[in-house]
Each structure stands twice: as C-alpha cells, then as structure tokens.
Amino acid sequence: MDKNCLEISRASEVPSSSGKRIYRFLEILPGTLSWATLIGALFFSWYKPAWTSVFIILFCLFWLCKVIGLSFYQFVSFKKLKKNIKTDWQEKLDRLQSFNPQFSFAGWRDVYHLIILPVYKEDAEIIKSTCRALAEANYPLDKMIIILSCEEKAGPKARTIARIIQAEYQGKFDRFLVTFHPHNRAGEIAGKGSNVAWALKFAQEKLTDIPDENIIVSTFDTDTKIYPQYFSCLTWHYLTAKKPFKSSFQPIPVYNNNIWEAVPFARVIATSNTFWQMMQQERPEQLVTYSSHAIPFKVLKEVDYPTNVVPDDSRIFWKAYFHYQGNYQTIPLYYPVSMDMVMAKNFFQTVINQYKQQRRWAWGCMEIPYIIYGFLKEKKIPLRKKLFHIFNVLDGFWSWAVAALLIFVLGWLPLTLGGEAFNTTLLSYNLPKMTGIIMGIAMFGMLFSAVLSVFLLPKRPTRSGKLKSFYIALQWLLLPVTLIVFGAFPALDAQTRLMLGKYMGFWSTDKIRK
C-alpha cells in the first residue's frame, strides 16, 4: 500500500480529487447510518407503527442473543485473567527451553522493555506512582528503559517535575531518560500520539547499542500502573508468538487506581470498558490495540507511530495491518494493567470530563473511512478479511450510537406516535410486554457484570466503609442511563462532527486522585 495513504487523517489529505470524494463519502457514512436509523424509527413509528414494532421486537431479540454471547466471552476471559494473575510468569520464562527461531539472541534475559510515558499536566504523584509500580516489577530492572516524554508547552513546572523524578529513579533502571516534545510541529495533532512518536525517534538515537529485535515498546498512559508480573507475561508471549514481528500485545485495562473514590456513574462506565476489552480478548480476530499496549521496536521503526490523529492507539494497529498487507495481529495477554477512572474537583466537572473522554474515544469513528479506503487501495488482502473488518467496525460504532436509544427509548414510539388505529391492536398491547420480558432477561447480563465487578476490586482502603463493595455492585442499576448519556450521546456527537467535517483535536483527561 502506498505509504502516503498510510498517513491520511482526513479527506483533504488524499492526493487525488476522486480519492478525496470517496474518502469524504466514507467520513459521512457512520453518522448517516446512525441518524438514518434514529430518524427512520421516528418516522416509521408514525407512518408504519406495526412495521416499527416488529423491528423493535426483532432488534431486542437480536440484542438478547448478543448479550448472551458477550457474557460468555466475558466469563471465559475473566477466568483466564484470574489464572494469569496467579501464574508465575518468571518461572515459565526460566523453563522456556526454546522459542521462535526468528530471534537471534540466546534467551529471555536479553529482552529489553522500553516504556514510554507521555506527560502533559499530570501531578508529580501521578507520575511517581506509575514509576514506583515499574520499579516493583518482577522483571530485571536493568532490562527496563523508561522515557518520560513531556510536552514542552506544559512549561517550567513540568520540566522541574521531570528532572526531580529522573533524579529519583535514574539508578534503578537500565536508563531513565527525559525528553521534551516541541509544541506546534508541522503536520502534528497535539496529544498522546505525537508525543509518543517524538519519544520513539528519541529512543532510536539513544538505543543504538541494543538490537531492535531485543526491544519491546510499551506505550502507557501516564496513570498506568502495571501488575508485578506484567513484563514477564509480555516477554513470554513475545518469545512464543508465531509472528513476533507482526504482532502487537494487548493487556486488559482495569480502572482500579481510584475506584474507591470515584463517583458511581464513572465506575460503571470504566468497568464496562474493562468488560468490553475482556470480551475482545476472546475475539482476537477483532482485537485492536487500545490505550496501554506493547509493540516490538522493530515494527515501530518500520511503521512510523501516528502523529496526526486522536485515536493513535488503534491507528498504529491499522497502519501496521496495511503496511504488512493484512499479515498483522494483536495478541491478547489476559493480564491487567491498572488505570484511573475519570475524576474531577467536583461532581459537575466530573460529568463534563466523563462526557468529553467518551466523545474522544468515540472519535475512533474516524477509523472507518481510513479502514475502508485502505481496503480499496490494498489489493493483496483477501476479500473475506476486508468484509469481516468493515462489518465489525461499522456495526461497532453504529451500535454504540443507536442501540441503547432503540432499546430504552424508541421502543415506546409506536405507542406514542402510532395513532388510535394502532393503539387498539393486539400488537400495540403486547409490544411493551414483549420488549419488557426480552430486556428483563437481558438484564441478567447486567447482574453478571455486577457480580464480576466485585471480584475485580482491589483491597478496600480503611477509609471506605464495609458496605462500599455492595454499593459498587448496586450501582449497575445506572447502566441504562450511562449507556445513553455517556454512550449514545457522545458517539452521535463524534459521528456528527465527522459527518460535518468538524474534526476534533486531542482532549487530555485530567488525572485527579483524592
């Protein structure tokens, strides 16, 4: 695939005029599908209420089957997660007699981990807690290299914090490096992606003494705290992968850093995201890198990290996927890393920040035109794979924007707009009963999630009451509201912006802990 196509972030960057029109059409597509569904439901609830009622019932049945399937994936993934936490990965490495012959080094002790921590305005304690977790890893610290990549525009305070932390941790790892990402570089969007890309170029200059194949790069959010055996687990998967230089490695994000202090709706949203990532680990053919993840240094030297998009974590996967003509995958680790839930100085600001974070995640819809256009250009990827990924990405963002509204709100429209003639029919009488029964059964999925969420809780601090665990399970009753307010609405917001060509920049979530 033409390298210029790999760098596209919007329609205006497509070289040909015909390509611009195609790409712009693809940018309009996600929002059009979502709004057409919602407007169609409104219109046909008035014009053909019987048709709409049948559609709603069938959709609820479809969603019930989907919930059952996803709950199964969630349970299996949860079991593997708990097993992998208990596994002695260091012992597995020591017992590893042979590994992929593509490697030229002698054993696992030759594997280095480069950890990139992009920093903007985070407090010193946030960064220190992440560094402490790295220093407590059950992996040789002399095989770990930390790059604290600070934003130059953060000013003197960020420089002071960076130098203090560097002085504290300088002798604990093989290297603890600090770099400052310049502001307003041409062709970049200010944010995590451009920061990480800068740090990788810095690393290429500083790590010439280590062979590329010996280095795995973990790009972490600044609040990411690893579990003790993360790097041992990652190393084992790297060494045993069939295609180590055609693979990314994805842990499961568990938002436990500040779970006891977070507000209920933030806990529901963050834990729902954890469960979604757990489900995706059971479907590796769909798994795309997300947030904190790992990639071989060799891959990142061949495929430049994206600097001009907001969803850099998914874009680096798709860039590699197209660069290697479909011969690329994400390997699930079934092992957690701990991150922060959204928290602000007051409840109202927390609501705003949560919405903005969800909208930023939903801006991943910009990957739809990139993926489809890439498939049109890349002829060597099998048609079956192309159709599979196109359907999954369209279905995922469409469901994100409309499913909750169809289930919890629009299902009542035929009764409201259908008129007297429809309201006297047997179908109108049974519609709320049938949808209620179907969705009542589907709510067992919510109950299942509530139970699992308790098993994922970290040790309760003494300042939290003994009933807090019970309240955390009970808060799942908020799920229907959060699915609409912090799910469907920000997804529609993002898709509408893309449809209108109102491109978003990177919004950095505040990191606040009490």
Protein backbone atom coordinates (compact mmCIF):
# COMPACT_ATOMS: atom_id res chain seq x y z
CA MET A 1 0.00 0.00 0.00
CA ASP A 2 1.25 3.49 -0.87
CA LYS A 3 2.95 4.99 2.20
CA ASN A 4 1.14 8.30 1.61
CA CYS A 5 -2.19 6.52 2.11
CA LEU A 6 -0.99 5.22 5.46
CA GLU A 7 -0.62 8.79 6.74
CA ILE A 8 -4.13 10.03 5.83
CA SER A 9 -6.10 11.59 8.67
CA ARG A 10 -8.88 13.36 6.72
CA ALA A 11 -10.31 13.65 3.21
CA SER A 12 -8.32 16.76 2.32
CA GLU A 13 -5.08 14.78 2.63
CA VAL A 14 -5.99 12.25 -0.08
CA PRO A 15 -3.81 13.01 -3.14
CA SER A 16 -6.37 12.60 -5.96
CA SER A 17 -9.63 14.53 -6.36
CA SER A 18 -11.60 11.30 -6.89
CA GLY A 19 -9.97 9.83 -3.77
CA LYS A 20 -10.95 12.93 -1.80
CA ARG A 21 -14.60 12.44 -2.80
CA ILE A 22 -14.53 8.75 -1.87
CA TYR A 23 -12.88 9.42 1.48
CA ARG A 24 -15.28 12.27 2.26
CA PHE A 25 -18.22 9.98 1.48
CA LEU A 26 -16.77 7.43 3.90
CA GLU A 27 -16.44 10.13 6.58
CA ILE A 28 -20.13 10.93 6.17
CA LEU A 29 -21.15 7.26 6.26
CA PRO A 30 -21.05 6.47 10.05
CA GLY A 31 -23.15 9.47 11.09
CA THR A 32 -25.54 8.92 8.19
CA LEU A 33 -26.20 5.32 9.22
CA SER A 34 -26.81 6.27 12.86
CA TRP A 35 -29.01 9.29 12.18
CA ALA A 36 -30.93 7.46 9.45
CA THR A 37 -31.71 4.70 11.95
CA LEU A 38 -32.98 7.09 14.61
CA ILE A 39 -34.91 9.36 12.24
CA GLY A 40 -36.30 6.30 10.46
CA ALA A 41 -37.51 4.91 13.78
CA LEU A 42 -39.31 8.18 14.49
CA PHE A 43 -40.86 8.41 11.03
CA PHE A 44 -41.98 4.80 10.75
CA SER A 45 -43.35 4.83 14.32
CA TRP A 46 -45.85 7.32 12.92
CA TYR A 47 -46.18 6.09 9.34
CA LYS A 48 -45.96 2.31 9.85
CA PRO A 49 -46.17 1.63 13.60
CA ALA A 50 -46.78 -2.09 13.09
CA TRP A 51 -43.60 -2.45 11.00
CA THR A 52 -41.62 -0.49 13.57
CA SER A 53 -42.98 -2.63 16.41
CA VAL A 54 -41.88 -5.82 14.67
CA PHE A 55 -38.46 -4.30 14.01
CA ILE A 56 -38.09 -3.31 17.68
CA ILE A 57 -39.04 -6.77 18.88
CA LEU A 58 -36.60 -8.41 16.46
CA PHE A 59 -33.87 -5.96 17.47
CA CYS A 60 -34.44 -6.72 21.15
CA LEU A 61 -34.23 -10.46 20.41
CA PHE A 62 -31.02 -9.87 18.45
CA TRP A 63 -29.61 -7.85 21.35
CA LEU A 64 -30.58 -10.58 23.81
CA CYS A 65 -28.62 -13.15 21.78
CA LYS A 66 -25.70 -10.72 21.58
CA VAL A 67 -25.73 -10.17 25.36
CA ILE A 68 -25.70 -13.93 25.96
CA GLY A 69 -22.76 -14.39 23.62
CA LEU A 70 -20.80 -11.47 25.05
CA SER A 71 -21.47 -12.62 28.63
CA PHE A 72 -19.96 -15.98 27.73
CA TYR A 73 -16.85 -14.28 26.31
CA GLN A 74 -16.69 -12.11 29.40
CA PHE A 75 -16.79 -15.08 31.76
CA VAL A 76 -14.15 -17.07 29.86
CA SER A 77 -11.87 -14.05 29.64
CA PHE A 78 -12.35 -13.32 33.35
CA LYS A 79 -11.30 -16.88 34.23
CA LYS A 80 -8.17 -16.56 32.09
CA LEU A 81 -7.41 -13.18 33.65
CA LYS A 82 -7.57 -14.58 37.20
CA LYS A 83 -5.47 -17.58 36.17
CA ASN A 84 -2.81 -15.40 34.55
CA ILE A 85 -2.57 -13.15 37.61
CA LYS A 86 -1.78 -16.22 39.72
CA THR A 87 0.65 -17.73 37.18
CA ASP A 88 4.36 -17.48 37.96
CA TRP A 89 5.46 -16.00 34.63
CA GLN A 90 9.06 -15.69 35.75
CA GLU A 91 9.16 -19.45 36.30
CA LYS A 92 7.58 -20.01 32.87
CA LEU A 93 10.35 -17.90 31.34
CA ASP A 94 13.02 -19.84 33.20
CA ARG A 95 11.53 -23.12 31.94
CA LEU A 96 11.29 -21.88 28.36
CA GLN A 97 13.68 -24.18 26.52
CA SER A 98 13.10 -22.95 23.00
CA PHE A 99 11.33 -20.09 21.31
CA ASN A 100 10.73 -18.66 17.87
CA PRO A 101 13.81 -19.21 15.65
CA GLN A 102 13.29 -15.72 14.20
CA PHE A 103 15.12 -14.39 17.27
CA SER A 104 18.90 -14.32 17.17
CA PHE A 105 19.51 -13.77 20.89
CA ALA A 106 20.15 -16.50 23.46
CA GLY A 107 17.29 -16.22 25.96
CA TRP A 108 14.68 -14.11 27.70
CA ARG A 109 17.27 -12.21 29.73
CA ASP A 110 18.30 -10.47 26.50
CA VAL A 111 14.84 -8.90 26.11
CA TYR A 112 14.60 -5.20 26.99
CA HIS A 113 11.41 -3.29 27.72
CA LEU A 114 11.18 0.31 26.59
CA ILE A 115 8.39 2.09 28.48
CA ILE A 116 7.18 5.41 27.10
CA LEU A 117 5.25 7.65 29.50
CA PRO A 118 3.77 10.69 27.70
CA VAL A 119 3.32 13.52 30.21
CA TYR A 120 1.34 16.73 29.90
CA LYS A 121 -0.03 18.37 33.06
CA GLU A 122 -0.07 15.39 35.43
CA ASP A 123 0.91 15.97 39.06
CA ALA A 124 4.20 14.57 40.29
CA GLU A 125 2.47 11.98 42.47
CA ILE A 126 0.62 10.50 39.48
CA ILE A 127 3.90 10.01 37.61
CA LYS A 128 5.73 8.75 40.71
CA SER A 129 3.06 6.12 41.42
CA THR A 130 3.49 4.79 37.88
CA CYS A 131 7.28 4.74 38.27
CA ARG A 132 7.01 3.00 41.65
CA ALA A 133 4.94 0.24 40.08
CA LEU A 134 7.58 -0.15 37.34
CA ALA A 135 10.35 -0.29 39.96
CA GLU A 136 8.47 -3.05 41.81
CA ALA A 137 8.10 -5.24 38.72
CA ASN A 138 9.18 -8.88 38.93
CA TYR A 139 11.48 -8.39 35.97
CA PRO A 140 15.16 -7.39 35.93
CA LEU A 141 15.18 -3.60 36.22
CA ASP A 142 18.43 -3.44 34.30
CA LYS A 143 16.43 -4.65 31.29
CA MET A 144 13.94 -1.79 31.54
CA ILE A 145 14.33 1.62 29.90
CA ILE A 146 11.98 4.47 30.82
CA ILE A 147 11.38 7.53 28.66
CA LEU A 148 9.45 10.33 30.33
CA SER A 149 8.24 12.27 27.29
CA CYS A 150 7.00 15.67 28.47
CA GLU A 151 5.12 18.28 26.49
CA GLU A 152 7.22 21.40 26.04
CA LYS A 153 4.10 23.59 26.22
CA ALA A 154 3.44 22.37 29.79
CA GLY A 155 6.07 24.91 30.86
CA PRO A 156 8.73 25.13 33.59
CA LYS A 157 6.70 23.24 36.18
CA ALA A 158 6.65 20.09 34.02
CA ARG A 159 10.43 20.39 33.46
CA THR A 160 11.04 20.65 37.19
CA ILE A 161 8.84 17.63 37.96
CA ALA A 162 10.52 15.59 35.20
CA ARG A 163 14.02 16.34 36.47
CA ILE A 164 13.09 15.52 40.08
CA ILE A 165 11.59 12.16 39.07
CA GLN A 166 14.55 11.41 36.80
CA ALA A 167 16.96 12.06 39.67
CA GLU A 168 14.95 9.75 41.94
CA TYR A 169 14.77 6.83 39.51
CA GLN A 170 17.91 7.31 37.42
CA GLY A 171 19.87 4.44 39.00
CA LYS A 172 17.03 1.95 39.34
CA PHE A 173 16.65 1.02 35.66
CA ASP A 174 19.00 0.45 32.74
CA ARG A 175 18.18 4.02 31.71
CA PHE A 176 15.70 6.67 32.78
CA LEU A 177 15.55 9.29 30.03
CA VAL A 178 13.64 12.54 29.73
CA THR A 179 12.72 14.33 26.52
CA PHE A 180 10.51 17.30 25.69
CA HIS A 181 8.12 17.18 22.76
CA PRO A 182 8.20 20.54 20.92
CA HIS A 183 4.98 22.47 20.51
CA ASN A 184 3.29 23.20 17.16
CA ARG A 185 5.27 20.85 14.95
CA ALA A 186 4.03 20.85 11.36
CA GLY A 187 1.64 18.02 10.46
CA GLU A 188 1.01 17.00 14.07
CA ILE A 189 -2.06 17.00 16.31
CA ALA A 190 -1.04 17.88 19.85
CA GLY A 191 -1.72 14.83 22.00
CA LYS A 192 -0.52 11.42 23.05
CA GLY A 193 0.21 10.15 19.52
CA SER A 194 2.60 12.93 18.51
CA ASN A 195 4.25 12.77 21.94
CA VAL A 196 4.87 9.01 21.67
CA ALA A 197 6.17 9.40 18.10
CA TRP A 198 8.67 12.02 19.31
CA ALA A 199 9.79 9.72 22.14
CA LEU A 200 10.31 6.85 19.68
CA LYS A 201 12.56 8.98 17.46
CA PHE A 202 14.47 9.99 20.60
CA ALA A 203 14.80 6.30 21.52
CA GLN A 204 16.19 5.41 18.11
CA GLU A 205 19.01 7.89 18.71
CA LYS A 206 19.74 6.71 22.24
CA LEU A 207 19.39 2.90 21.95
CA THR A 208 21.78 2.10 19.12
CA ASP A 209 23.64 -0.33 21.40
CA ILE A 210 20.66 -2.76 21.62
CA PRO A 211 19.41 -4.80 18.60
CA ASP A 212 15.89 -3.83 17.54
CA GLU A 213 14.51 -7.34 17.95
CA ASN A 214 15.57 -7.35 21.61
CA ILE A 215 13.29 -4.42 22.48
CA ILE A 216 9.54 -4.42 23.16
CA VAL A 217 7.95 -0.97 23.46
CA SER A 218 5.11 -0.38 25.91
CA THR A 219 3.24 2.87 25.30
CA PHE A 220 1.46 3.65 28.56
CA ASP A 221 -0.88 6.38 29.67
CA THR A 222 0.80 8.30 32.49
CA ASP A 223 -1.59 6.84 35.08
CA THR A 224 -0.95 3.22 34.02
CA LYS A 225 0.28 1.08 36.91
CA ILE A 226 1.48 -2.39 36.00
CA TYR A 227 0.80 -5.54 37.96
CA PRO A 228 4.07 -7.14 39.19
CA GLN A 229 4.43 -9.83 36.52
CA TYR A 230 3.31 -7.78 33.53
CA PHE A 231 6.67 -7.68 31.78
CA SER A 232 7.36 -11.36 32.44
CA CYS A 233 3.97 -12.22 30.94
CA LEU A 234 4.59 -9.91 27.97
CA THR A 235 8.08 -11.34 27.38
CA TRP A 236 6.76 -14.91 27.40
CA HIS A 237 4.09 -14.06 24.82
CA TYR A 238 6.64 -12.20 22.69
CA LEU A 239 9.06 -15.14 22.66
CA THR A 240 6.38 -17.74 21.96
CA ALA A 241 4.42 -15.80 19.32
CA LYS A 242 4.33 -17.39 15.87
CA LYS A 243 4.77 -13.98 14.27
CA PRO A 244 6.54 -11.83 16.89
CA PHE A 245 7.45 -9.10 14.39
CA LYS A 246 3.92 -8.99 13.01
CA SER A 247 2.15 -8.67 16.36
CA SER A 248 1.03 -6.17 18.97
CA PHE A 249 0.33 -7.25 22.55
CA GLN A 250 -2.72 -6.07 24.48
CA PRO A 251 -3.29 -6.23 28.27
CA ILE A 252 -6.70 -5.66 29.86
CA PRO A 253 -7.20 -2.16 31.31
CA VAL A 254 -8.68 -2.35 34.80
CA TYR A 255 -9.62 1.04 36.26
CA ASN A 256 -8.68 0.33 39.87
CA ASN A 257 -6.31 3.17 40.77
CA ASN A 258 -9.02 5.39 42.23
CA ILE A 259 -12.09 3.15 42.13
CA TRP A 260 -12.96 3.63 45.81
CA GLU A 261 -13.06 7.42 45.43
CA ALA A 262 -14.77 7.65 42.02
CA VAL A 263 -18.43 8.60 41.60
CA PRO A 264 -20.86 5.74 40.79
CA PHE A 265 -21.54 6.55 37.13
CA ALA A 266 -17.77 6.81 36.42
CA ARG A 267 -17.26 3.37 37.97
CA VAL A 268 -19.99 1.86 35.80
CA ILE A 269 -18.57 3.40 32.62
CA ALA A 270 -14.96 2.48 33.33
CA THR A 271 -15.77 -1.07 34.45
CA SER A 272 -18.00 -1.54 31.39
CA ASN A 273 -14.99 -0.61 29.28
CA THR A 274 -12.89 -3.18 31.14
CA PHE A 275 -15.50 -5.85 30.44
CA TRP A 276 -15.64 -4.87 26.76
CA GLN A 277 -11.88 -5.24 26.50
CA MET A 278 -12.12 -8.62 28.22
CA MET A 279 -14.68 -9.74 25.65
CA GLN A 280 -12.45 -8.54 22.83
CA GLN A 281 -9.57 -10.64 24.16
CA GLU A 282 -11.72 -13.69 23.48
CA ARG A 283 -12.14 -12.50 19.89
CA PRO A 284 -8.52 -11.90 18.83
CA GLU A 285 -9.51 -11.66 15.17
CA GLN A 286 -11.25 -8.38 16.13
CA LEU A 287 -8.77 -7.22 18.77
CA VAL A 288 -7.17 -3.84 18.06
CA THR A 289 -4.61 -2.10 20.27
CA TYR A 290 -6.16 0.16 22.88
CA SER A 291 -4.73 2.69 25.36
CA SER A 292 -1.75 0.97 27.04
CA HIS A 293 -0.25 -1.70 24.79
CA ALA A 294 3.05 -3.14 23.54
CA ILE A 295 4.66 -3.34 20.10
CA PRO A 296 8.08 -4.67 19.00
CA PHE A 297 10.62 -1.87 18.42
CA LYS A 298 11.35 -3.45 15.05
CA VAL A 299 7.74 -2.85 13.95
CA LEU A 300 7.75 0.76 15.14
CA LYS A 301 10.89 1.51 13.14
CA GLU A 302 9.24 0.13 10.01
CA VAL A 303 5.81 1.68 10.68
CA ASP A 304 6.01 5.23 11.99
CA TYR A 305 3.83 5.93 15.00
CA PRO A 306 0.90 8.22 14.01
CA THR A 307 1.26 11.90 14.82
CA ASN A 308 -1.81 13.39 13.10
CA VAL A 309 -4.78 11.56 14.65
CA VAL A 310 -6.54 11.45 18.00
CA PRO A 311 -7.08 7.64 18.24
CA ASP A 312 -3.36 6.85 17.90
CA ASP A 313 -3.64 3.55 19.80
CA SER A 314 -5.95 1.99 17.19
CA ARG A 315 -4.34 3.81 14.25
CA ILE A 316 -0.91 2.25 14.88
CA PHE A 317 -2.55 -1.18 14.59
CA TRP A 318 -4.24 -0.35 11.29
CA LYS A 319 -1.11 1.29 9.90
CA ALA A 320 0.84 -1.89 10.66
CA TYR A 321 -2.01 -4.03 9.31
CA PHE A 322 -1.91 -2.24 5.95
CA HIS A 323 1.90 -1.96 5.90
CA TYR A 324 2.18 -5.74 6.24
CA GLN A 325 -0.72 -6.29 3.80
CA GLY A 326 -3.06 -7.85 6.35
CA ASN A 327 -0.37 -10.04 7.94
CA TYR A 328 -0.61 -8.43 11.37
CA GLN A 329 -2.44 -9.25 14.59
CA THR A 330 -2.99 -8.25 18.21
CA ILE A 331 -2.20 -10.96 20.74
CA PRO A 332 -4.34 -10.89 23.93
CA LEU A 333 -2.35 -11.15 27.17
CA TYR A 334 -5.30 -11.77 29.54
CA TYR A 335 -3.25 -9.81 32.06
CA PRO A 336 -4.28 -6.49 33.63
CA VAL A 337 -2.81 -3.03 33.93
CA SER A 338 -4.44 -0.61 36.34
CA MET A 339 -5.58 2.88 35.31
CA ASP A 340 -7.56 5.86 36.63
CA MET A 341 -11.28 6.45 36.36
CA VAL A 342 -12.47 9.93 35.47
CA MET A 343 -12.45 12.18 38.50
CA ALA A 344 -12.59 15.96 38.80
CA LYS A 345 -12.70 18.52 41.61
CA ASN A 346 -16.50 18.39 41.82
CA PHE A 347 -19.41 16.30 40.56
CA PHE A 348 -20.44 18.66 37.78
CA GLN A 349 -16.93 18.82 36.33
CA THR A 350 -16.70 15.03 36.56
CA VAL A 351 -19.82 14.75 34.40
CA ILE A 352 -18.30 17.11 31.81
CA ASN A 353 -14.93 15.34 31.81
CA GLN A 354 -16.57 11.93 31.52
CA TYR A 355 -18.59 13.05 28.52
CA LYS A 356 -15.51 14.55 26.84
CA GLN A 357 -13.50 11.40 27.42
CA GLN A 358 -16.26 9.23 25.95
CA ARG A 359 -16.53 11.57 22.96
CA ARG A 360 -12.77 11.34 22.42
CA TRP A 361 -12.99 7.54 22.47
CA ALA A 362 -15.99 7.67 20.14
CA TRP A 363 -13.91 9.81 17.77
CA GLY A 364 -12.41 6.46 16.84
CA CYS A 365 -15.19 6.51 14.21
CA MET A 366 -12.65 8.34 12.04
CA GLU A 367 -11.01 4.95 11.60
CA ILE A 368 -13.99 3.82 9.48
CA PRO A 369 -13.05 5.87 6.38
CA TYR A 370 -9.36 5.05 6.93
CA ILE A 371 -10.01 1.30 7.08
CA ILE A 372 -12.44 1.12 4.16
CA TYR A 373 -10.31 3.39 1.97
CA GLY A 374 -7.27 1.29 2.86
CA PHE A 375 -9.07 -1.86 1.79
CA LEU A 376 -9.98 -0.22 -1.53
CA LYS A 377 -6.31 0.58 -2.12
CA GLU A 378 -4.71 -2.63 -0.83
CA LYS A 379 -5.41 -5.44 -3.29
CA LYS A 380 -3.43 -8.22 -1.58
CA ILE A 381 -5.69 -8.54 1.47
CA PRO A 382 -8.35 -11.26 0.88
CA LEU A 383 -11.89 -10.01 0.30
CA ARG A 384 -13.16 -12.16 3.16
CA LYS A 385 -10.92 -10.32 5.63
CA LYS A 386 -11.92 -6.95 4.22
CA LEU A 387 -15.65 -7.63 4.56
CA PHE A 388 -15.17 -9.06 8.06
CA HIS A 389 -13.38 -5.97 9.37
CA ILE A 390 -15.66 -3.50 7.57
CA PHE A 391 -18.76 -5.11 9.05
CA ASN A 392 -17.27 -5.22 12.56
CA VAL A 393 -16.17 -1.61 12.61
CA LEU A 394 -19.45 -0.32 11.15
CA ASP A 395 -21.53 -2.47 13.48
CA GLY A 396 -19.46 -1.44 16.50
CA PHE A 397 -19.84 2.31 16.05
CA TRP A 398 -23.45 2.07 14.84
CA SER A 399 -24.39 0.01 17.92
CA TRP A 400 -22.53 2.44 20.16
CA ALA A 401 -24.61 5.34 18.85
CA VAL A 402 -28.09 3.83 18.48
CA ALA A 403 -28.55 0.54 20.36
CA ALA A 404 -29.28 1.99 23.80
CA LEU A 405 -31.71 4.54 22.35
CA LEU A 406 -33.55 1.88 20.33
CA ILE A 407 -33.86 -0.39 23.35
CA PHE A 408 -34.67 2.02 26.17
CA VAL A 409 -36.35 4.99 24.44
CA LEU A 410 -37.54 4.48 20.86
CA GLY A 411 -39.30 1.22 21.72
CA TRP A 412 -42.19 3.28 23.07
CA LEU A 413 -42.56 5.48 20.00
CA PRO A 414 -45.10 3.32 18.09
CA LEU A 415 -47.43 3.60 21.08
CA THR A 416 -46.94 7.37 21.24
CA LEU A 417 -46.99 8.21 17.54
CA GLY A 418 -48.90 5.28 16.05
CA GLY A 419 -52.32 6.81 16.47
CA GLU A 420 -55.60 5.40 17.75
CA ALA A 421 -55.88 2.80 15.00
CA PHE A 422 -52.62 1.16 16.01
CA ASN A 423 -53.15 1.55 19.76
CA THR A 424 -56.28 -0.61 19.60
CA THR A 425 -54.41 -3.54 18.03
CA LEU A 426 -53.16 -6.63 19.83
CA LEU A 427 -49.60 -5.81 18.74
CA SER A 428 -49.66 -2.43 20.48
CA TYR A 429 -50.94 -4.11 23.64
CA ASN A 430 -48.22 -6.75 23.62
CA LEU A 431 -45.31 -4.59 22.42
CA PRO A 432 -44.26 -3.20 25.85
CA LYS A 433 -44.83 -6.59 27.47
CA MET A 434 -42.71 -8.46 24.92
CA THR A 435 -39.88 -5.94 24.91
CA GLY A 436 -40.02 -5.80 28.70
CA ILE A 437 -39.68 -9.57 29.02
CA ILE A 438 -36.85 -9.73 26.47
CA MET A 439 -34.87 -6.91 28.04
CA GLY A 440 -35.63 -8.23 31.51
CA ILE A 441 -33.86 -11.45 30.54
CA ALA A 442 -31.04 -9.41 29.00
CA MET A 443 -30.62 -7.62 32.33
CA PHE A 444 -29.13 -10.84 33.69
CA GLY A 445 -26.09 -9.76 31.73
CA MET A 446 -26.01 -6.61 33.86
CA LEU A 447 -26.36 -8.71 37.03
CA PHE A 448 -23.50 -10.91 35.86
CA SER A 449 -21.33 -7.85 35.30
CA ALA A 450 -22.22 -6.53 38.75
CA VAL A 451 -21.01 -9.75 40.37
CA LEU A 452 -17.78 -9.86 38.36
CA SER A 453 -17.06 -6.20 39.13
CA VAL A 454 -16.86 -7.06 42.84
CA PHE A 455 -14.25 -9.76 42.16
CA LEU A 456 -12.11 -7.22 40.30
CA LEU A 457 -12.00 -4.78 43.22
CA PRO A 458 -8.62 -4.08 44.82
CA LYS A 459 -8.18 -4.21 48.56
CA ARG A 460 -10.58 -1.82 50.27
CA PRO A 461 -8.84 1.10 52.00
CA THR A 462 -9.67 1.65 55.64
CA ARG A 463 -11.34 5.00 54.87
CA SER A 464 -14.02 3.22 52.80
CA GLY A 465 -16.90 1.61 54.66
CA LYS A 466 -17.51 -2.14 54.66
CA LEU A 467 -20.70 -1.72 52.61
CA LYS A 468 -18.87 0.02 49.76
CA SER A 469 -18.44 -3.23 47.81
CA PHE A 470 -22.19 -3.79 47.97
CA TYR A 471 -22.88 -0.26 46.72
CA ILE A 472 -20.44 -0.79 43.87
CA ALA A 473 -22.44 -3.84 42.76
CA LEU A 474 -25.73 -1.98 43.21
CA GLN A 475 -24.58 0.96 41.08
CA TRP A 476 -25.02 -1.20 37.94
CA LEU A 477 -28.66 -0.13 38.06
CA LEU A 478 -27.34 3.09 36.50
CA LEU A 479 -26.27 1.19 33.37
CA PRO A 480 -29.28 2.13 31.16
CA VAL A 481 -28.70 5.83 31.92
CA THR A 482 -24.94 5.69 31.37
CA LEU A 483 -25.40 3.79 28.10
CA ILE A 484 -27.45 6.70 26.76
CA VAL A 485 -25.92 9.80 28.38
CA PHE A 486 -22.28 8.68 28.23
CA GLY A 487 -22.59 6.19 25.39
CA ALA A 488 -25.07 7.02 22.66
CA PHE A 489 -24.89 10.82 23.00
CA PRO A 490 -21.09 11.24 22.76
CA ALA A 491 -20.99 8.64 19.97
CA LEU A 492 -23.60 10.58 17.98
CA ASP A 493 -21.73 13.78 18.78
CA ALA A 494 -18.46 12.40 17.39
CA GLN A 495 -20.05 10.87 14.29
CA THR A 496 -21.93 14.09 13.54
CA ARG A 497 -18.73 16.11 13.79
CA LEU A 498 -17.03 13.73 11.37
CA MET A 499 -20.03 13.86 9.05
CA LEU A 500 -19.87 17.69 9.00
CA GLY A 501 -16.09 17.80 8.68
CA LYS A 502 -15.68 19.36 12.15
CA TYR A 503 -12.53 17.45 13.06
CA MET A 504 -11.68 17.02 16.72
CA GLY A 505 -8.36 17.60 18.43
CA PHE A 506 -6.98 15.61 21.36
CA TRP A 507 -8.61 16.30 24.72
CA SER A 508 -6.43 15.24 27.66
CA THR A 509 -8.35 13.78 30.60
CA ASP A 510 -7.46 15.37 33.94
CA LYS A 511 -5.75 12.96 36.34
CA ILE A 512 -7.04 13.66 39.84
CA ARG A 513 -6.88 11.40 42.87
CA LYS A 514 -8.15 12.12 46.35
